[in-house]
Amino acid sequence: MRITAFRARLAEEFGPVRADTIARDHVFSALGGRTVDQALDAGLPAKEIWRAVCDAFEVPTERR
């Protein structure tokens, strides 16, 4: 998954303002105690990050 597609899915699921807040401020244990932005900067695959976000926020399977 490309980072642009990841960002678009995040904004689509949570709205643009909340998506930015989640990416910047929410720490995910599944990402090694990183935020989305930190995980992307560390080089983790966007698909792996998306799965962690979906699991943490219980995004329904049909929207994952």
N, C-alpha and C. Protein backbone atom coordinates (compact mmCIF):
# COMPACT_ATOMS: atom_id res chain seq x y z
N MET A 1 0.84 -1.17 0.00
CA MET A 1 0.00 0.00 0.00
C MET A 1 0.90 1.24 0.00
N ARG A 2 0.58 2.19 -0.85
CA ARG A 2 1.33 3.44 -0.90
C ARG A 2 0.89 4.34 0.25
N ILE A 3 1.80 5.20 0.67
CA ILE A 3 1.51 6.10 1.78
C ILE A 3 0.35 7.02 1.43
N THR A 4 0.26 7.46 0.18
CA THR A 4 -0.85 8.33 -0.21
C THR A 4 -2.19 7.60 -0.10
N ALA A 5 -2.21 6.33 -0.48
CA ALA A 5 -3.43 5.53 -0.35
C ALA A 5 -3.75 5.31 1.12
N PHE A 6 -2.74 5.07 1.93
CA PHE A 6 -2.94 4.90 3.37
C PHE A 6 -3.55 6.16 3.97
N ARG A 7 -2.98 7.32 3.67
CA ARG A 7 -3.49 8.59 4.20
C ARG A 7 -4.94 8.82 3.74
N ALA A 8 -5.23 8.48 2.50
CA ALA A 8 -6.59 8.65 1.99
C ALA A 8 -7.57 7.75 2.74
N ARG A 9 -7.19 6.50 2.97
CA ARG A 9 -8.06 5.58 3.73
C ARG A 9 -8.27 6.06 5.15
N LEU A 10 -7.22 6.55 5.77
CA LEU A 10 -7.32 7.06 7.14
C LEU A 10 -8.30 8.23 7.20
N ALA A 11 -8.18 9.15 6.26
CA ALA A 11 -9.08 10.31 6.22
C ALA A 11 -10.51 9.89 5.89
N GLU A 12 -10.66 8.92 5.03
CA GLU A 12 -11.99 8.43 4.66
C GLU A 12 -12.68 7.76 5.86
N GLU A 13 -11.92 7.01 6.62
CA GLU A 13 -12.49 6.28 7.75
C GLU A 13 -12.79 7.19 8.94
N PHE A 14 -11.91 8.14 9.22
CA PHE A 14 -12.02 8.92 10.45
C PHE A 14 -12.32 10.40 10.23
N GLY A 15 -12.32 10.84 8.98
CA GLY A 15 -12.45 12.27 8.70
C GLY A 15 -11.07 12.89 8.73
N PRO A 16 -10.85 13.95 7.95
CA PRO A 16 -9.50 14.50 7.82
C PRO A 16 -8.90 15.03 9.12
N VAL A 17 -9.67 15.69 9.93
CA VAL A 17 -9.12 16.27 11.17
C VAL A 17 -8.76 15.18 12.16
N ARG A 18 -9.68 14.24 12.37
CA ARG A 18 -9.41 13.15 13.32
C ARG A 18 -8.28 12.26 12.82
N ALA A 19 -8.23 12.04 11.51
CA ALA A 19 -7.15 11.22 10.94
C ALA A 19 -5.79 11.84 11.24
N ASP A 20 -5.68 13.15 11.08
CA ASP A 20 -4.41 13.83 11.39
C ASP A 20 -4.06 13.69 12.86
N THR A 21 -5.07 13.82 13.73
CA THR A 21 -4.83 13.69 15.17
C THR A 21 -4.40 12.28 15.52
N ILE A 22 -5.06 11.29 14.96
CA ILE A 22 -4.70 9.89 15.21
C ILE A 22 -3.27 9.64 14.75
N ALA A 23 -2.94 10.09 13.56
CA ALA A 23 -1.61 9.84 12.99
C ALA A 23 -0.51 10.51 13.83
N ARG A 24 -0.81 11.66 14.37
CA ARG A 24 0.19 12.43 15.09
C ARG A 24 0.28 12.06 16.57
N ASP A 25 -0.86 11.74 17.21
CA ASP A 25 -0.90 11.66 18.67
C ASP A 25 -1.16 10.27 19.27
N HIS A 26 -1.85 9.41 18.56
CA HIS A 26 -2.23 8.11 19.14
C HIS A 26 -1.05 7.14 19.07
N VAL A 27 -0.67 6.60 20.22
CA VAL A 27 0.44 5.64 20.28
C VAL A 27 -0.15 4.23 20.21
N PHE A 28 0.39 3.43 19.31
CA PHE A 28 -0.09 2.07 19.08
C PHE A 28 0.92 1.07 19.60
N SER A 29 0.51 0.20 20.49
CA SER A 29 1.42 -0.84 20.99
C SER A 29 1.83 -1.79 19.87
N ALA A 30 0.92 -2.03 18.93
CA ALA A 30 1.21 -2.93 17.81
C ALA A 30 2.29 -2.36 16.88
N LEU A 31 2.56 -1.08 17.02
CA LEU A 31 3.60 -0.44 16.20
C LEU A 31 4.84 -0.15 17.04
N GLY A 32 4.99 -0.88 18.11
CA GLY A 32 6.17 -0.73 18.96
C GLY A 32 6.15 0.55 19.78
N GLY A 33 4.95 0.98 20.16
CA GLY A 33 4.85 2.19 20.96
C GLY A 33 5.05 3.46 20.15
N ARG A 34 4.76 3.37 18.86
CA ARG A 34 4.91 4.52 17.96
C ARG A 34 3.55 5.06 17.53
N THR A 35 3.56 6.31 17.09
CA THR A 35 2.39 6.85 16.41
C THR A 35 2.45 6.42 14.95
N VAL A 36 1.40 6.67 14.21
CA VAL A 36 1.39 6.38 12.77
C VAL A 36 2.53 7.13 12.09
N ASP A 37 2.65 8.42 12.38
CA ASP A 37 3.70 9.22 11.73
C ASP A 37 5.10 8.69 12.06
N GLN A 38 5.32 8.31 13.31
CA GLN A 38 6.62 7.76 13.70
C GLN A 38 6.88 6.42 13.01
N ALA A 39 5.85 5.60 12.90
CA ALA A 39 6.00 4.29 12.25
C ALA A 39 6.33 4.46 10.77
N LEU A 40 5.67 5.41 10.11
CA LEU A 40 5.98 5.68 8.71
C LEU A 40 7.42 6.19 8.58
N ASP A 41 7.82 7.09 9.45
CA ASP A 41 9.18 7.62 9.42
C ASP A 41 10.22 6.52 9.67
N ALA A 42 9.84 5.52 10.47
CA ALA A 42 10.75 4.41 10.78
C ALA A 42 10.80 3.39 9.65
N GLY A 43 9.94 3.56 8.64
CA GLY A 43 9.97 2.66 7.50
C GLY A 43 9.07 1.45 7.58
N LEU A 44 8.17 1.41 8.56
CA LEU A 44 7.23 0.30 8.62
C LEU A 44 6.29 0.37 7.41
N PRO A 45 5.91 -0.77 6.87
CA PRO A 45 5.02 -0.77 5.71
C PRO A 45 3.65 -0.16 6.06
N ALA A 46 3.13 0.65 5.15
CA ALA A 46 1.84 1.31 5.37
C ALA A 46 0.73 0.28 5.59
N LYS A 47 0.81 -0.85 4.92
CA LYS A 47 -0.22 -1.90 5.08
C LYS A 47 -0.22 -2.43 6.51
N GLU A 48 0.94 -2.62 7.09
CA GLU A 48 1.05 -3.09 8.48
C GLU A 48 0.49 -2.03 9.44
N ILE A 49 0.77 -0.78 9.16
CA ILE A 49 0.27 0.31 10.00
C ILE A 49 -1.25 0.38 9.90
N TRP A 50 -1.78 0.26 8.69
CA TRP A 50 -3.23 0.28 8.50
C TRP A 50 -3.90 -0.84 9.30
N ARG A 51 -3.32 -2.02 9.28
CA ARG A 51 -3.88 -3.13 10.06
C ARG A 51 -3.90 -2.80 11.55
N ALA A 52 -2.83 -2.20 12.05
CA ALA A 52 -2.77 -1.83 13.46
C ALA A 52 -3.84 -0.80 13.81
N VAL A 53 -4.04 0.17 12.94
CA VAL A 53 -5.08 1.18 13.16
C VAL A 53 -6.45 0.52 13.16
N CYS A 54 -6.69 -0.33 12.18
CA CYS A 54 -7.99 -1.01 12.08
C CYS A 54 -8.26 -1.87 13.32
N ASP A 55 -7.27 -2.58 13.79
CA ASP A 55 -7.44 -3.40 14.98
C ASP A 55 -7.72 -2.55 16.21
N ALA A 56 -6.97 -1.48 16.37
CA ALA A 56 -7.11 -0.63 17.56
C ALA A 56 -8.46 0.07 17.60
N PHE A 57 -8.97 0.45 16.44
CA PHE A 57 -10.23 1.19 16.39
C PHE A 57 -11.41 0.33 15.94
N GLU A 58 -11.18 -0.98 15.85
CA GLU A 58 -12.22 -1.94 15.49
C GLU A 58 -12.97 -1.56 14.21
N VAL A 59 -12.19 -1.25 13.17
CA VAL A 59 -12.75 -0.95 11.86
C VAL A 59 -13.34 -2.24 11.31
N PRO A 60 -14.58 -2.21 10.83
CA PRO A 60 -15.20 -3.43 10.29
C PRO A 60 -14.40 -4.01 9.13
N THR A 61 -14.45 -5.31 9.03
CA THR A 61 -13.68 -6.04 8.03
C THR A 61 -13.91 -5.51 6.62
N GLU A 62 -15.13 -5.17 6.28
CA GLU A 62 -15.41 -4.71 4.91
C GLU A 62 -14.77 -3.37 4.56
N ARG A 63 -14.26 -2.65 5.56
CA ARG A 63 -13.62 -1.37 5.29
C ARG A 63 -12.11 -1.42 5.53
N ARG A 64 -11.58 -2.60 5.74
CA ARG A 64 -10.14 -2.70 6.03
C ARG A 64 -9.31 -2.74 4.78
